[in-house]
Amino acid sequence: MSAIQKNIETASENYSASFTKGHLALPPAKKYLVLTCMDARIDPAQAFGIELGDAHVIRNAGASARDGLRSIVISEQLLGTQEIVLVKHTGCGMLTFTNDDAYGLVEKNLGSDAAAELKSRNLDFLPFSDLERAVNEDVEYLRDTKLVPDSVTISGWIYEVETGRTRRVV
């Protein structure tokens, strides 16, 4: 067992020993979802004031609306969320490369078969070069898709990893 696995096992034992929230309902109590980056420097519960059971938290590389759309539709259509809070962040790794860079790295590290698979899947890593523009574009994407009802409130934010502050962009 790896050190990470041992840590999970120990943490689970400690957490479950005093756990009292097993009665919470499946749908999020406050009927919203947060889409944010998978960056390890972001603690969505602490940074955005989310208590257990309040909201869905969707995390992916770059807080991509396109990548998160499947989970967004499930959250809204099956579990009743009515608001989307999209939060990208300063210092995001998605600002540091292009699709060509990522394809080249996969070929270098994983070989030509992996590179061919990427090409056959036409995978877009969804990098971006301007943080505020990326927030605006993702909010527009969500507003324009027929998969998110017009009645859903959508906002876009930037979390500053340097200060812990979050500011609204749109």
N, C-alpha and C. Protein backbone atom coordinates (compact mmCIF):
# COMPACT_ATOMS: atom_id res chain seq x y z
N MET A 1 0.85 -1.17 0.00
CA MET A 1 0.00 0.00 0.00
C MET A 1 0.90 1.24 0.00
N SER A 2 0.58 2.19 -0.85
CA SER A 2 1.39 3.41 -0.93
C SER A 2 1.13 4.32 0.27
N ALA A 3 2.01 5.28 0.46
CA ALA A 3 1.84 6.25 1.56
C ALA A 3 0.55 7.04 1.38
N ILE A 4 0.19 7.37 0.14
CA ILE A 4 -1.06 8.10 -0.13
C ILE A 4 -2.25 7.25 0.29
N GLN A 5 -2.24 5.98 -0.08
CA GLN A 5 -3.34 5.08 0.28
C GLN A 5 -3.45 4.91 1.79
N LYS A 6 -2.33 4.81 2.46
CA LYS A 6 -2.33 4.71 3.93
C LYS A 6 -2.92 5.98 4.55
N ASN A 7 -2.56 7.13 4.00
CA ASN A 7 -3.10 8.39 4.49
C ASN A 7 -4.62 8.43 4.31
N ILE A 8 -5.11 7.99 3.17
CA ILE A 8 -6.56 7.96 2.93
C ILE A 8 -7.25 7.04 3.94
N GLU A 9 -6.67 5.89 4.15
CA GLU A 9 -7.25 4.93 5.10
C GLU A 9 -7.31 5.53 6.51
N THR A 10 -6.23 6.14 6.96
CA THR A 10 -6.18 6.75 8.29
C THR A 10 -7.15 7.92 8.40
N ALA A 11 -7.15 8.79 7.39
CA ALA A 11 -8.05 9.94 7.39
C ALA A 11 -9.50 9.49 7.41
N SER A 12 -9.81 8.43 6.66
CA SER A 12 -11.18 7.91 6.63
C SER A 12 -11.61 7.40 8.00
N GLU A 13 -10.73 6.71 8.67
CA GLU A 13 -11.04 6.22 10.02
C GLU A 13 -11.32 7.39 10.96
N ASN A 14 -10.47 8.40 10.92
CA ASN A 14 -10.64 9.57 11.79
C ASN A 14 -11.92 10.33 11.45
N TYR A 15 -12.18 10.55 10.18
CA TYR A 15 -13.35 11.31 9.73
C TYR A 15 -14.64 10.58 10.09
N SER A 16 -14.67 9.30 9.78
CA SER A 16 -15.91 8.54 10.01
C SER A 16 -16.22 8.34 11.49
N ALA A 17 -15.21 8.43 12.35
CA ALA A 17 -15.43 8.23 13.79
C ALA A 17 -16.38 9.26 14.38
N SER A 18 -16.41 10.46 13.81
CA SER A 18 -17.31 11.49 14.34
C SER A 18 -18.28 12.02 13.27
N PHE A 19 -18.44 11.28 12.19
CA PHE A 19 -19.29 11.71 11.08
C PHE A 19 -20.76 11.66 11.47
N THR A 20 -21.49 12.77 11.23
CA THR A 20 -22.90 12.85 11.60
C THR A 20 -23.77 13.37 10.46
N LYS A 21 -23.24 13.38 9.24
CA LYS A 21 -23.96 14.00 8.12
C LYS A 21 -24.53 12.99 7.14
N GLY A 22 -24.65 11.75 7.52
CA GLY A 22 -25.15 10.71 6.63
C GLY A 22 -26.60 10.89 6.23
N HIS A 23 -27.32 11.77 6.89
CA HIS A 23 -28.73 12.01 6.61
C HIS A 23 -28.96 13.04 5.50
N LEU A 24 -27.90 13.70 5.04
CA LEU A 24 -28.09 14.75 4.03
C LEU A 24 -28.71 14.20 2.76
N ALA A 25 -29.56 15.01 2.13
CA ALA A 25 -30.24 14.60 0.90
C ALA A 25 -29.27 14.59 -0.28
N LEU A 26 -29.60 13.83 -1.30
CA LEU A 26 -28.78 13.75 -2.51
C LEU A 26 -28.68 15.09 -3.23
N PRO A 27 -29.78 15.78 -3.50
CA PRO A 27 -29.66 17.08 -4.19
C PRO A 27 -28.99 18.11 -3.27
N PRO A 28 -28.22 19.01 -3.84
CA PRO A 28 -27.58 20.03 -3.01
C PRO A 28 -28.60 20.98 -2.40
N ALA A 29 -28.49 21.21 -1.11
CA ALA A 29 -29.48 21.97 -0.35
C ALA A 29 -29.66 23.40 -0.87
N LYS A 30 -28.57 24.03 -1.32
CA LYS A 30 -28.66 25.42 -1.77
C LYS A 30 -28.82 25.55 -3.28
N LYS A 31 -29.00 24.43 -3.96
CA LYS A 31 -29.35 24.36 -5.37
C LYS A 31 -28.40 25.11 -6.30
N TYR A 32 -27.09 24.99 -6.03
CA TYR A 32 -26.12 25.58 -6.95
C TYR A 32 -24.94 24.64 -7.13
N LEU A 33 -24.17 24.93 -8.15
CA LEU A 33 -22.94 24.19 -8.38
C LEU A 33 -21.81 25.15 -8.63
N VAL A 34 -20.64 24.73 -8.23
CA VAL A 34 -19.41 25.49 -8.46
C VAL A 34 -18.56 24.66 -9.42
N LEU A 35 -18.14 25.29 -10.51
CA LEU A 35 -17.21 24.67 -11.43
C LEU A 35 -15.89 25.39 -11.26
N THR A 36 -14.87 24.67 -10.78
CA THR A 36 -13.57 25.28 -10.55
C THR A 36 -12.47 24.34 -11.01
N CYS A 37 -11.26 24.83 -10.92
CA CYS A 37 -10.10 24.08 -11.40
C CYS A 37 -9.71 22.98 -10.42
N MET A 38 -9.03 21.98 -10.93
CA MET A 38 -8.54 20.88 -10.10
C MET A 38 -7.26 21.24 -9.35
N ASP A 39 -6.76 22.46 -9.55
CA ASP A 39 -5.51 22.90 -8.92
C ASP A 39 -5.54 22.62 -7.42
N ALA A 40 -4.49 22.01 -6.92
CA ALA A 40 -4.42 21.61 -5.51
C ALA A 40 -4.34 22.79 -4.55
N ARG A 41 -4.11 24.00 -5.07
CA ARG A 41 -4.03 25.18 -4.20
C ARG A 41 -5.41 25.78 -3.91
N ILE A 42 -6.46 25.19 -4.47
CA ILE A 42 -7.82 25.70 -4.26
C ILE A 42 -8.57 24.73 -3.35
N ASP A 43 -9.10 25.26 -2.25
CA ASP A 43 -9.96 24.49 -1.35
C ASP A 43 -11.35 25.10 -1.50
N PRO A 44 -12.18 24.56 -2.42
CA PRO A 44 -13.47 25.20 -2.70
C PRO A 44 -14.36 25.40 -1.48
N ALA A 45 -14.40 24.43 -0.60
CA ALA A 45 -15.26 24.56 0.59
C ALA A 45 -14.84 25.76 1.42
N GLN A 46 -13.57 25.90 1.68
CA GLN A 46 -13.08 27.01 2.49
C GLN A 46 -13.14 28.34 1.73
N ALA A 47 -12.66 28.33 0.50
CA ALA A 47 -12.55 29.58 -0.26
C ALA A 47 -13.91 30.17 -0.64
N PHE A 48 -14.90 29.30 -0.86
CA PHE A 48 -16.20 29.77 -1.36
C PHE A 48 -17.33 29.56 -0.37
N GLY A 49 -17.01 29.17 0.86
CA GLY A 49 -18.02 29.04 1.91
C GLY A 49 -19.03 27.93 1.68
N ILE A 50 -18.58 26.79 1.22
CA ILE A 50 -19.49 25.68 0.92
C ILE A 50 -19.46 24.68 2.06
N GLU A 51 -20.60 24.48 2.68
CA GLU A 51 -20.74 23.46 3.72
C GLU A 51 -21.14 22.14 3.06
N LEU A 52 -20.85 21.04 3.72
CA LEU A 52 -21.21 19.73 3.22
C LEU A 52 -22.71 19.68 2.94
N GLY A 53 -23.07 19.27 1.74
CA GLY A 53 -24.48 19.17 1.35
C GLY A 53 -25.03 20.40 0.67
N ASP A 54 -24.29 21.52 0.67
CA ASP A 54 -24.79 22.77 0.09
C ASP A 54 -24.84 22.77 -1.43
N ALA A 55 -23.76 22.31 -2.07
CA ALA A 55 -23.59 22.51 -3.51
C ALA A 55 -22.81 21.37 -4.14
N HIS A 56 -22.97 21.24 -5.44
CA HIS A 56 -22.09 20.36 -6.19
C HIS A 56 -20.82 21.13 -6.51
N VAL A 57 -19.69 20.44 -6.45
CA VAL A 57 -18.42 21.03 -6.85
C VAL A 57 -17.85 20.17 -7.96
N ILE A 58 -17.71 20.78 -9.12
CA ILE A 58 -17.14 20.11 -10.29
C ILE A 58 -15.74 20.67 -10.49
N ARG A 59 -14.77 19.79 -10.60
CA ARG A 59 -13.38 20.24 -10.78
C ARG A 59 -12.79 19.57 -12.01
N ASN A 60 -12.14 20.38 -12.82
CA ASN A 60 -11.39 19.86 -13.95
C ASN A 60 -10.27 20.83 -14.28
N ALA A 61 -9.39 20.45 -15.16
CA ALA A 61 -8.26 21.30 -15.53
C ALA A 61 -8.77 22.58 -16.16
N GLY A 62 -8.49 23.71 -15.52
CA GLY A 62 -8.87 25.02 -16.05
C GLY A 62 -10.29 25.45 -15.79
N ALA A 63 -11.05 24.70 -15.01
CA ALA A 63 -12.47 25.02 -14.77
C ALA A 63 -13.20 25.19 -16.09
N SER A 64 -13.01 24.23 -16.98
CA SER A 64 -13.58 24.30 -18.33
C SER A 64 -15.07 23.97 -18.34
N ALA A 65 -15.86 24.91 -18.85
CA ALA A 65 -17.30 24.68 -18.99
C ALA A 65 -17.58 23.57 -19.99
N ARG A 66 -16.80 23.53 -21.07
CA ARG A 66 -16.99 22.47 -22.08
C ARG A 66 -16.74 21.10 -21.47
N ASP A 67 -15.68 20.98 -20.72
CA ASP A 67 -15.32 19.72 -20.09
C ASP A 67 -16.31 19.35 -18.98
N GLY A 68 -16.88 20.34 -18.32
CA GLY A 68 -17.80 20.09 -17.21
C GLY A 68 -19.25 19.96 -17.60
N LEU A 69 -19.57 20.14 -18.88
CA LEU A 69 -20.98 20.21 -19.29
C LEU A 69 -21.78 18.97 -18.92
N ARG A 70 -21.21 17.78 -19.08
CA ARG A 70 -21.93 16.55 -18.73
C ARG A 70 -22.37 16.58 -17.27
N SER A 71 -21.47 16.96 -16.38
CA SER A 71 -21.80 17.03 -14.95
C SER A 71 -22.78 18.16 -14.66
N ILE A 72 -22.67 19.26 -15.37
CA ILE A 72 -23.60 20.38 -15.20
C ILE A 72 -25.02 19.95 -15.55
N VAL A 73 -25.18 19.26 -16.67
CA VAL A 73 -26.51 18.80 -17.09
C VAL A 73 -27.08 17.83 -16.05
N ILE A 74 -26.28 16.92 -15.56
CA ILE A 74 -26.74 15.98 -14.53
C ILE A 74 -27.15 16.75 -13.28
N SER A 75 -26.34 17.69 -12.86
CA SER A 75 -26.62 18.47 -11.66
C SER A 75 -27.95 19.22 -11.78
N GLU A 76 -28.18 19.81 -12.91
CA GLU A 76 -29.41 20.60 -13.10
C GLU A 76 -30.62 19.73 -13.37
N GLN A 77 -30.51 18.82 -14.31
CA GLN A 77 -31.68 18.08 -14.75
C GLN A 77 -32.10 16.98 -13.80
N LEU A 78 -31.14 16.33 -13.16
CA LEU A 78 -31.47 15.23 -12.26
C LEU A 78 -31.53 15.66 -10.80
N LEU A 79 -30.79 16.73 -10.44
CA LEU A 79 -30.65 17.05 -9.03
C LEU A 79 -31.05 18.49 -8.68
N GLY A 80 -31.59 19.21 -9.65
CA GLY A 80 -32.28 20.46 -9.36
C GLY A 80 -31.47 21.71 -9.10
N THR A 81 -30.19 21.74 -9.47
CA THR A 81 -29.46 22.98 -9.24
C THR A 81 -29.98 24.08 -10.17
N GLN A 82 -29.89 25.31 -9.70
CA GLN A 82 -30.47 26.45 -10.41
C GLN A 82 -29.47 27.58 -10.62
N GLU A 83 -28.22 27.36 -10.22
CA GLU A 83 -27.21 28.40 -10.38
C GLU A 83 -25.85 27.75 -10.61
N ILE A 84 -25.06 28.41 -11.48
CA ILE A 84 -23.70 27.97 -11.78
C ILE A 84 -22.74 29.09 -11.41
N VAL A 85 -21.74 28.74 -10.60
CA VAL A 85 -20.67 29.66 -10.24
C VAL A 85 -19.39 29.09 -10.85
N LEU A 86 -18.87 29.75 -11.88
CA LEU A 86 -17.66 29.30 -12.56
C LEU A 86 -16.48 30.08 -11.99
N VAL A 87 -15.45 29.37 -11.51
CA VAL A 87 -14.31 30.03 -10.88
C VAL A 87 -13.00 29.51 -11.49
N LYS A 88 -12.34 30.37 -12.26
CA LYS A 88 -10.99 30.09 -12.74
C LYS A 88 -10.02 30.75 -11.76
N HIS A 89 -8.71 30.63 -11.98
CA HIS A 89 -7.78 31.19 -10.99
C HIS A 89 -6.49 31.69 -11.61
N THR A 90 -5.85 32.57 -10.87
CA THR A 90 -4.54 33.07 -11.28
C THR A 90 -3.53 31.93 -11.22
N GLY A 91 -2.49 32.05 -12.02
CA GLY A 91 -1.43 31.05 -12.00
C GLY A 91 -1.85 29.69 -12.50
N CYS A 92 -2.91 29.63 -13.30
CA CYS A 92 -3.42 28.35 -13.80
C CYS A 92 -2.46 27.74 -14.82
N GLY A 93 -2.25 26.46 -14.72
CA GLY A 93 -1.40 25.76 -15.67
C GLY A 93 -1.91 25.81 -17.09
N MET A 94 -3.22 26.00 -17.26
CA MET A 94 -3.81 26.05 -18.61
C MET A 94 -3.36 27.29 -19.38
N LEU A 95 -2.77 28.24 -18.68
CA LEU A 95 -2.22 29.45 -19.31
C LEU A 95 -0.82 29.22 -19.87
N THR A 96 -0.23 28.07 -19.61
CA THR A 96 1.20 27.87 -19.87
C THR A 96 1.53 27.02 -21.09
N PHE A 97 0.53 26.54 -21.82
CA PHE A 97 0.83 25.67 -22.95
C PHE A 97 -0.25 25.78 -24.02
N THR A 98 0.04 25.21 -25.18
CA THR A 98 -0.93 25.12 -26.28
C THR A 98 -1.27 23.65 -26.51
N ASN A 99 -2.27 23.39 -27.32
CA ASN A 99 -2.58 22.01 -27.68
C ASN A 99 -1.39 21.32 -28.33
N ASP A 100 -0.68 22.04 -29.21
CA ASP A 100 0.49 21.46 -29.86
C ASP A 100 1.54 21.05 -28.83
N ASP A 101 1.75 21.90 -27.81
CA ASP A 101 2.69 21.56 -26.75
C ASP A 101 2.27 20.26 -26.06
N ALA A 102 0.99 20.14 -25.71
CA ALA A 102 0.49 18.96 -25.00
C ALA A 102 0.62 17.70 -25.87
N TYR A 103 0.27 17.82 -27.14
CA TYR A 103 0.40 16.68 -28.05
C TYR A 103 1.86 16.24 -28.15
N GLY A 104 2.77 17.21 -28.25
CA GLY A 104 4.19 16.89 -28.34
C GLY A 104 4.70 16.22 -27.08
N LEU A 105 4.25 16.68 -25.94
CA LEU A 105 4.67 16.10 -24.67
C LEU A 105 4.18 14.66 -24.53
N VAL A 106 2.93 14.41 -24.93
CA VAL A 106 2.40 13.05 -24.89
C VAL A 106 3.22 12.13 -25.78
N GLU A 107 3.53 12.62 -26.98
CA GLU A 107 4.33 11.78 -27.89
C GLU A 107 5.72 11.51 -27.31
N LYS A 108 6.35 12.53 -26.75
CA LYS A 108 7.69 12.38 -26.17
C LYS A 108 7.68 11.42 -24.99
N ASN A 109 6.69 11.56 -24.10
CA ASN A 109 6.67 10.78 -22.86
C ASN A 109 6.00 9.42 -22.97
N LEU A 110 4.99 9.33 -23.84
CA LEU A 110 4.20 8.09 -23.91
C LEU A 110 4.33 7.35 -25.23
N GLY A 111 4.94 7.99 -26.22
CA GLY A 111 5.19 7.30 -27.48
C GLY A 111 4.19 7.58 -28.57
N SER A 112 4.51 7.04 -29.74
CA SER A 112 3.71 7.33 -30.93
C SER A 112 2.31 6.72 -30.89
N ASP A 113 2.15 5.57 -30.24
CA ASP A 113 0.82 4.97 -30.13
C ASP A 113 -0.12 5.87 -29.32
N ALA A 114 0.39 6.43 -28.24
CA ALA A 114 -0.42 7.35 -27.43
C ALA A 114 -0.73 8.62 -28.21
N ALA A 115 0.24 9.13 -28.95
CA ALA A 115 0.02 10.33 -29.77
C ALA A 115 -1.03 10.06 -30.84
N ALA A 116 -0.97 8.88 -31.44
CA ALA A 116 -1.96 8.51 -32.46
C ALA A 116 -3.36 8.41 -31.84
N GLU A 117 -3.43 7.88 -30.63
CA GLU A 117 -4.73 7.80 -29.96
C GLU A 117 -5.29 9.19 -29.68
N LEU A 118 -4.43 10.10 -29.22
CA LEU A 118 -4.87 11.49 -29.00
C LEU A 118 -5.45 12.08 -30.28
N LYS A 119 -4.72 11.89 -31.37
CA LYS A 119 -5.18 12.43 -32.67
C LYS A 119 -6.48 11.79 -33.10
N SER A 120 -6.61 10.48 -32.91
CA SER A 120 -7.85 9.80 -33.33
C SER A 120 -9.05 10.25 -32.48
N ARG A 121 -8.79 10.61 -31.24
CA ARG A 121 -9.86 11.12 -30.37
C ARG A 121 -10.08 12.62 -30.56
N ASN A 122 -9.17 13.27 -31.28
CA ASN A 122 -9.25 14.72 -31.51
C ASN A 122 -9.39 15.48 -30.19
N LEU A 123 -8.59 15.08 -29.21
CA LEU A 123 -8.69 15.65 -27.88
C LEU A 123 -8.19 17.09 -27.85
N ASP A 124 -9.01 17.96 -27.34
CA ASP A 124 -8.65 19.37 -27.14
C ASP A 124 -8.37 19.53 -25.66
N PHE A 125 -7.17 19.98 -25.31
CA PHE A 125 -6.82 20.17 -23.91
C PHE A 125 -7.42 21.45 -23.34
N LEU A 126 -8.01 22.28 -24.17
CA LEU A 126 -8.72 23.50 -23.79
C LEU A 126 -7.84 24.49 -23.03
N PRO A 127 -6.61 24.72 -23.51
CA PRO A 127 -5.78 25.75 -22.87
C PRO A 127 -6.31 27.13 -23.20
N PHE A 128 -5.87 28.14 -22.47
CA PHE A 128 -6.25 29.52 -22.77
C PHE A 128 -5.09 30.44 -22.45
N SER A 129 -5.10 31.62 -23.08
CA SER A 129 -3.97 32.53 -22.90
C SER A 129 -4.34 33.80 -22.14
N ASP A 130 -5.64 34.04 -21.93
CA ASP A 130 -6.10 35.24 -21.24
C ASP A 130 -7.14 34.81 -20.22
N LEU A 131 -6.84 34.99 -18.95
CA LEU A 131 -7.69 34.48 -17.87
C LEU A 131 -9.08 35.10 -17.87
N GLU A 132 -9.17 36.43 -17.88
CA GLU A 132 -10.49 37.07 -17.85
C GLU A 132 -11.31 36.73 -19.10
N ARG A 133 -10.65 36.71 -20.24
CA ARG A 133 -11.37 36.35 -21.46
C ARG A 133 -11.89 34.92 -21.39
N ALA A 134 -11.08 34.02 -20.80
CA ALA A 134 -11.51 32.62 -20.66
C ALA A 134 -12.73 32.50 -19.76
N VAL A 135 -12.78 33.29 -18.68
CA VAL A 135 -13.97 33.30 -17.81
C VAL A 135 -15.18 33.75 -18.61
N ASN A 136 -15.05 34.87 -19.31
CA ASN A 136 -16.15 35.39 -20.11
C ASN A 136 -16.60 34.40 -21.18
N GLU A 137 -15.66 33.77 -21.87
CA GLU A 137 -16.00 32.81 -22.92
C GLU A 137 -16.73 31.60 -22.35
N ASP A 138 -16.31 31.09 -21.19
CA ASP A 138 -16.99 29.94 -20.61
C ASP A 138 -18.39 30.30 -20.12
N VAL A 139 -18.55 31.48 -19.55
CA VAL A 139 -19.89 31.92 -19.14
C VAL A 139 -20.79 32.05 -20.37
N GLU A 140 -20.28 32.63 -21.43
CA GLU A 140 -21.06 32.75 -22.68
C GLU A 140 -21.40 31.38 -23.24
N TYR A 141 -20.46 30.46 -23.20
CA TYR A 141 -20.71 29.09 -23.66
C TYR A 141 -21.89 28.48 -22.91
N LEU A 142 -21.91 28.65 -21.59
CA LEU A 142 -22.99 28.10 -20.79
C LEU A 142 -24.31 28.82 -21.05
N ARG A 143 -24.26 30.12 -21.27
CA ARG A 143 -25.47 30.87 -21.57
C ARG A 143 -26.03 30.54 -22.95
N ASP A 144 -25.15 30.19 -23.88
CA ASP A 144 -25.58 29.93 -25.25
C ASP A 144 -26.05 28.51 -25.50
N THR A 145 -25.63 27.56 -24.68
CA THR A 145 -26.03 26.18 -24.93
C THR A 145 -27.49 25.95 -24.56
N LYS A 146 -28.15 25.13 -25.33
CA LYS A 146 -29.55 24.76 -25.04
C LYS A 146 -29.62 23.77 -23.88
N LEU A 147 -28.48 23.26 -23.44
CA LEU A 147 -28.44 22.28 -22.35
C LEU A 147 -28.49 22.93 -20.97
N VAL A 148 -28.36 24.25 -20.93
CA VAL A 148 -28.51 24.99 -19.67
C VAL A 148 -29.68 25.94 -19.86
N PRO A 149 -30.76 25.75 -19.10
CA PRO A 149 -31.94 26.60 -19.26
C PRO A 149 -31.64 28.08 -18.99
N ASP A 150 -32.36 28.96 -19.67
CA ASP A 150 -32.19 30.40 -19.48
C ASP A 150 -32.47 30.82 -18.04
N SER A 151 -33.24 30.03 -17.32
CA SER A 151 -33.59 30.37 -15.93
C SER A 151 -32.43 30.17 -14.96
N VAL A 152 -31.37 29.49 -15.39
CA VAL A 152 -30.22 29.22 -14.52
C VAL A 152 -29.36 30.48 -14.43
N THR A 153 -29.06 30.89 -13.22
CA THR A 153 -28.17 32.03 -12.98
C THR A 153 -26.73 31.57 -13.16
N ILE A 154 -25.95 32.34 -13.94
CA ILE A 154 -24.56 31.97 -14.21
C ILE A 154 -23.67 33.17 -13.92
N SER A 155 -22.60 32.94 -13.17
CA SER A 155 -21.63 34.00 -12.91
C SER A 155 -20.23 33.44 -13.10
N GLY A 156 -19.27 34.36 -13.35
CA GLY A 156 -17.89 33.97 -13.57
C GLY A 156 -16.96 34.74 -12.64
N TRP A 157 -16.00 34.05 -12.06
CA TRP A 157 -15.14 34.60 -11.02
C TRP A 157 -13.69 34.21 -11.26
N ILE A 158 -12.78 34.95 -10.62
CA ILE A 158 -11.36 34.59 -10.59
C ILE A 158 -10.92 34.52 -9.13
N TYR A 159 -10.35 33.37 -8.79
CA TYR A 159 -9.76 33.16 -7.47
C TYR A 159 -8.27 33.47 -7.58
N GLU A 160 -7.77 34.27 -6.66
CA GLU A 160 -6.35 34.63 -6.64
C GLU A 160 -5.61 33.69 -5.70
N VAL A 161 -4.80 32.79 -6.27
CA VAL A 161 -4.09 31.83 -5.43
C VAL A 161 -3.08 32.52 -4.52
N GLU A 162 -2.66 33.73 -4.88
CA GLU A 162 -1.68 34.45 -4.09
C GLU A 162 -2.27 35.05 -2.81
N THR A 163 -3.57 35.41 -2.86
CA THR A 163 -4.18 36.11 -1.72
C THR A 163 -5.35 35.35 -1.09
N GLY A 164 -5.92 34.38 -1.81
CA GLY A 164 -7.11 33.68 -1.33
C GLY A 164 -8.40 34.42 -1.61
N ARG A 165 -8.32 35.55 -2.30
CA ARG A 165 -9.52 36.34 -2.63
C ARG A 165 -10.14 35.88 -3.93
N THR A 166 -11.45 36.05 -4.02
CA THR A 166 -12.20 35.73 -5.23
C THR A 166 -12.92 36.99 -5.67
N ARG A 167 -12.79 37.30 -6.97
CA ARG A 167 -13.46 38.50 -7.48
C ARG A 167 -14.33 38.14 -8.68
N ARG A 168 -15.47 38.81 -8.74
CA ARG A 168 -16.41 38.55 -9.83
C ARG A 168 -15.94 39.23 -11.11
N VAL A 169 -16.03 38.50 -12.21
CA VAL A 169 -15.68 39.02 -13.53
C VAL A 169 -16.97 39.31 -14.31
N VAL A 170 -17.90 38.38 -14.26
CA VAL A 170 -19.16 38.52 -14.99
C VAL A 170 -20.27 37.81 -14.22
